[in-house]
Each structure stands twice: as C-alpha cells, then as structure tokens.
Amino acid sequence: MPEAFDVVIYHNPACGTSRNTLAMIRNAGIEPHVVEYLKTPPSRALIRQLLARAGLSVRDVLRDTGTPYADLGLGDPALTDERLLDAIEAHPVLLNRPLVVSPRGVRLCRPSEAVLDLLPAQRGEFVKEDGERVVDEHGRRVATT
C-alpha cells in the first residue's frame, strides 16, 4: 500500500521559492493544503509546534528582506523568543516561507528543492521558474554543480 501523503504548505504566492515548492509538491502527484499565511497566519502555538518538529528556532525562521525586521530591531540577539513571536504575530511577513509539513517531517524549504526530501518520487521533469532543472524526465534529482 502506498504511503499516504497529507501535505500542508504555508505559502506566499508572491514568493518564487514558495511557488516552486508548491509546484514540486504537485509534481509528486499531491494536492496540498495551501495556507496563505499572510491572509491566515498560524497561531503562536502552531508556530512553536512547527519549529519544534523542524528543529528550528524562532530566529531561524525570521525573514529580514522586504519586512520590518530592521525597523523593529529584531537583529538584537538579546530579544527573547517571546518577543520575536510577538513581532511575527503583529507582522506575519516576518515568518519565512515556505514551511512544509508532510508525513516525513517539517521543513523550511529554502531552497525550494529541500521539499523533495519530504515527498514521494516526482512524476516527471521539474524546472524552476528561473529555468534551473531540478528533476529529470524520470523523476530523479539532477545533480547541482
């Protein structure tokens, strides 16, 4: 019996990495639960749970580019996880993406091909939006140089 795959992606459709990750999930034959986290932010408790399962800290998932990171002084190493979570709660764009949950684990999929470790085999070739070939026509990863 094939492995059951219920996948959730915390997604931002404006992000190329997130779009590529979503496309690779679909290339594996899976239609995931897509959570547009800027419209429906995960709760503080859920963020803690996802980070624990991924082995990440709150600081590991803070996004600084295109966010109020610098304006809020979030680079200060003295800030506690609670203060960082306060900032993410107030500004969900600070949560880096895409976060993917599958039966094989939870991962921040940066780069997007990190999602391949969470999925069954790809069903054919996959080329990223920028033209980089990630998976060949047989569904095998292409070695990067």
Protein backbone atom coordinates (compact mmCIF):
# COMPACT_ATOMS: atom_id res chain seq x y z
CA MET A 1 0.00 0.00 0.00
CA PRO A 2 1.48 3.39 -0.97
CA GLU A 3 2.44 5.88 1.71
CA ALA A 4 -0.39 8.33 2.49
CA PHE A 5 0.60 11.91 1.88
CA ASP A 6 -1.25 14.75 3.51
CA VAL A 7 0.87 17.85 2.91
CA VAL A 8 0.44 21.40 4.19
CA ILE A 9 2.36 24.34 2.76
CA TYR A 10 2.50 27.73 4.45
CA HIS A 11 2.68 29.68 1.23
CA ASN A 12 3.09 33.17 -0.14
CA PRO A 13 2.03 33.27 -3.80
CA ALA A 14 4.17 36.38 -4.34
CA CYS A 15 7.34 34.41 -3.48
CA GLY A 16 9.13 32.48 -6.24
CA THR A 17 10.66 30.00 -3.79
CA SER A 18 7.21 29.29 -2.39
CA ARG A 19 5.69 28.91 -5.88
CA ASN A 20 8.46 26.49 -6.93
CA THR A 21 7.99 24.47 -3.74
CA LEU A 22 4.24 24.23 -4.32
CA ALA A 23 4.84 23.16 -7.93
CA MET A 24 7.21 20.37 -6.82
CA ILE A 25 4.61 19.10 -4.35
CA ARG A 26 2.10 18.96 -7.19
CA ASN A 27 4.70 17.33 -9.47
CA ALA A 28 4.78 14.48 -6.94
CA GLY A 29 1.05 13.97 -7.54
CA ILE A 30 -0.06 15.64 -4.32
CA GLU A 31 -2.58 18.42 -3.98
CA PRO A 32 -1.55 20.00 -0.68
CA HIS A 33 -3.49 22.07 1.79
CA VAL A 34 -2.31 25.57 0.89
CA VAL A 35 -2.31 28.07 3.73
CA GLU A 36 -1.66 31.60 2.53
CA TYR A 37 -0.10 32.56 5.83
CA LEU A 38 -0.28 36.31 5.19
CA LYS A 39 -4.09 36.01 4.97
CA THR A 40 -4.42 33.30 7.63
CA PRO A 41 -1.39 33.45 9.92
CA PRO A 42 -0.62 30.37 12.00
CA SER A 43 -1.17 30.77 15.73
CA ARG A 44 1.71 31.28 18.09
CA ALA A 45 1.22 27.75 19.44
CA LEU A 46 1.26 26.28 15.93
CA ILE A 47 4.44 28.19 15.04
CA ARG A 48 6.10 26.78 18.17
CA GLN A 49 4.96 23.26 17.26
CA LEU A 50 6.16 23.54 13.64
CA LEU A 51 9.54 24.89 14.73
CA ALA A 52 9.99 22.11 17.29
CA ARG A 53 9.17 19.47 14.66
CA ALA A 54 11.57 21.09 12.18
CA GLY A 55 14.34 21.51 14.75
CA LEU A 56 14.41 25.27 14.16
CA SER A 57 14.48 28.27 16.45
CA VAL A 58 12.24 31.30 16.11
CA ARG A 59 15.26 33.27 14.91
CA ASP A 60 15.87 30.61 12.19
CA VAL A 61 12.56 31.48 10.53
CA LEU A 62 12.71 35.25 10.76
CA ARG A 63 12.71 36.90 7.37
CA ASP A 64 14.62 40.16 7.12
CA THR A 65 14.32 41.02 3.42
CA GLY A 66 11.24 43.03 2.49
CA THR A 67 9.96 43.08 6.07
CA PRO A 68 10.01 45.46 9.07
CA TYR A 69 12.83 43.33 10.60
CA ALA A 70 15.38 46.18 10.78
CA ASP A 71 12.81 48.83 11.77
CA LEU A 72 11.73 46.64 14.69
CA GLY A 73 15.32 45.98 15.81
CA LEU A 74 14.87 42.21 15.51
CA GLY A 75 18.57 41.64 14.91
CA ASP A 76 19.17 42.29 18.62
CA PRO A 77 20.41 38.93 20.00
CA ALA A 78 19.03 39.81 23.44
CA LEU A 79 15.43 39.55 22.20
CA THR A 80 13.65 36.50 23.59
CA ASP A 81 11.66 34.02 21.52
CA GLU A 82 8.52 35.52 23.04
CA ARG A 83 9.41 38.98 21.75
CA LEU A 84 10.22 37.54 18.31
CA LEU A 85 6.89 35.69 18.29
CA ASP A 86 5.16 38.96 19.25
CA ALA A 87 6.72 40.54 16.16
CA ILE A 88 5.69 37.63 13.90
CA GLU A 89 2.17 37.80 15.29
CA ALA A 90 1.98 41.53 14.53
CA HIS A 91 3.72 41.20 11.14
CA PRO A 92 3.23 37.71 9.63
CA VAL A 93 5.51 38.66 6.72
CA LEU A 94 8.39 38.15 9.18
CA LEU A 95 7.76 34.38 9.06
CA ASN A 96 10.00 32.94 6.38
CA ARG A 97 8.44 30.65 3.82
CA PRO A 98 7.56 28.19 2.63
CA LEU A 99 7.14 25.90 5.60
CA VAL A 100 6.02 22.44 4.53
CA VAL A 101 4.52 19.70 6.68
CA SER A 102 4.38 16.11 5.42
CA PRO A 103 4.38 12.65 6.97
CA ARG A 104 8.17 12.76 6.52
CA GLY A 105 8.66 15.89 8.61
CA VAL A 106 8.53 19.66 8.69
CA ARG A 107 10.96 21.85 6.85
CA LEU A 108 11.59 25.43 5.86
CA CYS A 109 12.04 24.82 2.15
CA ARG A 110 14.76 27.28 1.25
CA PRO A 111 15.98 26.41 -1.29
CA SER A 112 12.75 25.07 -2.76
CA GLU A 113 14.22 21.68 -3.69
CA ALA A 114 14.55 20.92 0.04
CA VAL A 115 10.89 19.86 -0.26
CA LEU A 116 11.95 16.78 -2.25
CA ASP A 117 13.10 15.11 0.99
CA LEU A 118 9.52 15.37 2.30
CA LEU A 119 7.79 13.86 -0.75
CA PRO A 120 7.39 10.65 -2.70
CA ALA A 121 9.11 10.47 -6.08
CA GLN A 122 8.47 13.19 -8.61
CA ARG A 123 6.30 12.16 -11.56
CA GLY A 124 8.49 13.68 -14.24
CA GLU A 125 10.74 16.58 -15.02
CA PHE A 126 10.67 19.74 -12.95
CA VAL A 127 12.21 23.05 -13.94
CA LYS A 128 12.09 26.05 -11.61
CA GLU A 129 10.66 29.36 -12.73
CA ASP A 130 14.19 30.66 -13.33
CA GLY A 131 14.94 27.77 -15.71
CA GLU A 132 17.01 25.66 -13.29
CA ARG A 133 16.34 21.96 -13.89
CA VAL A 134 15.84 20.20 -10.55
CA VAL A 135 14.31 16.85 -11.57
CA ASP A 136 14.88 14.93 -14.80
CA GLU A 137 12.23 13.35 -17.03
CA HIS A 138 12.49 10.13 -14.96
CA GLY A 139 11.66 11.93 -11.71
CA ARG A 140 15.26 11.83 -10.42
CA ARG A 141 17.06 14.79 -8.85
CA VAL A 142 19.52 16.48 -11.10
CA ALA A 143 22.93 16.96 -9.50
CA THR A 144 23.77 20.59 -8.85
CA THR A 145 27.24 21.95 -9.50
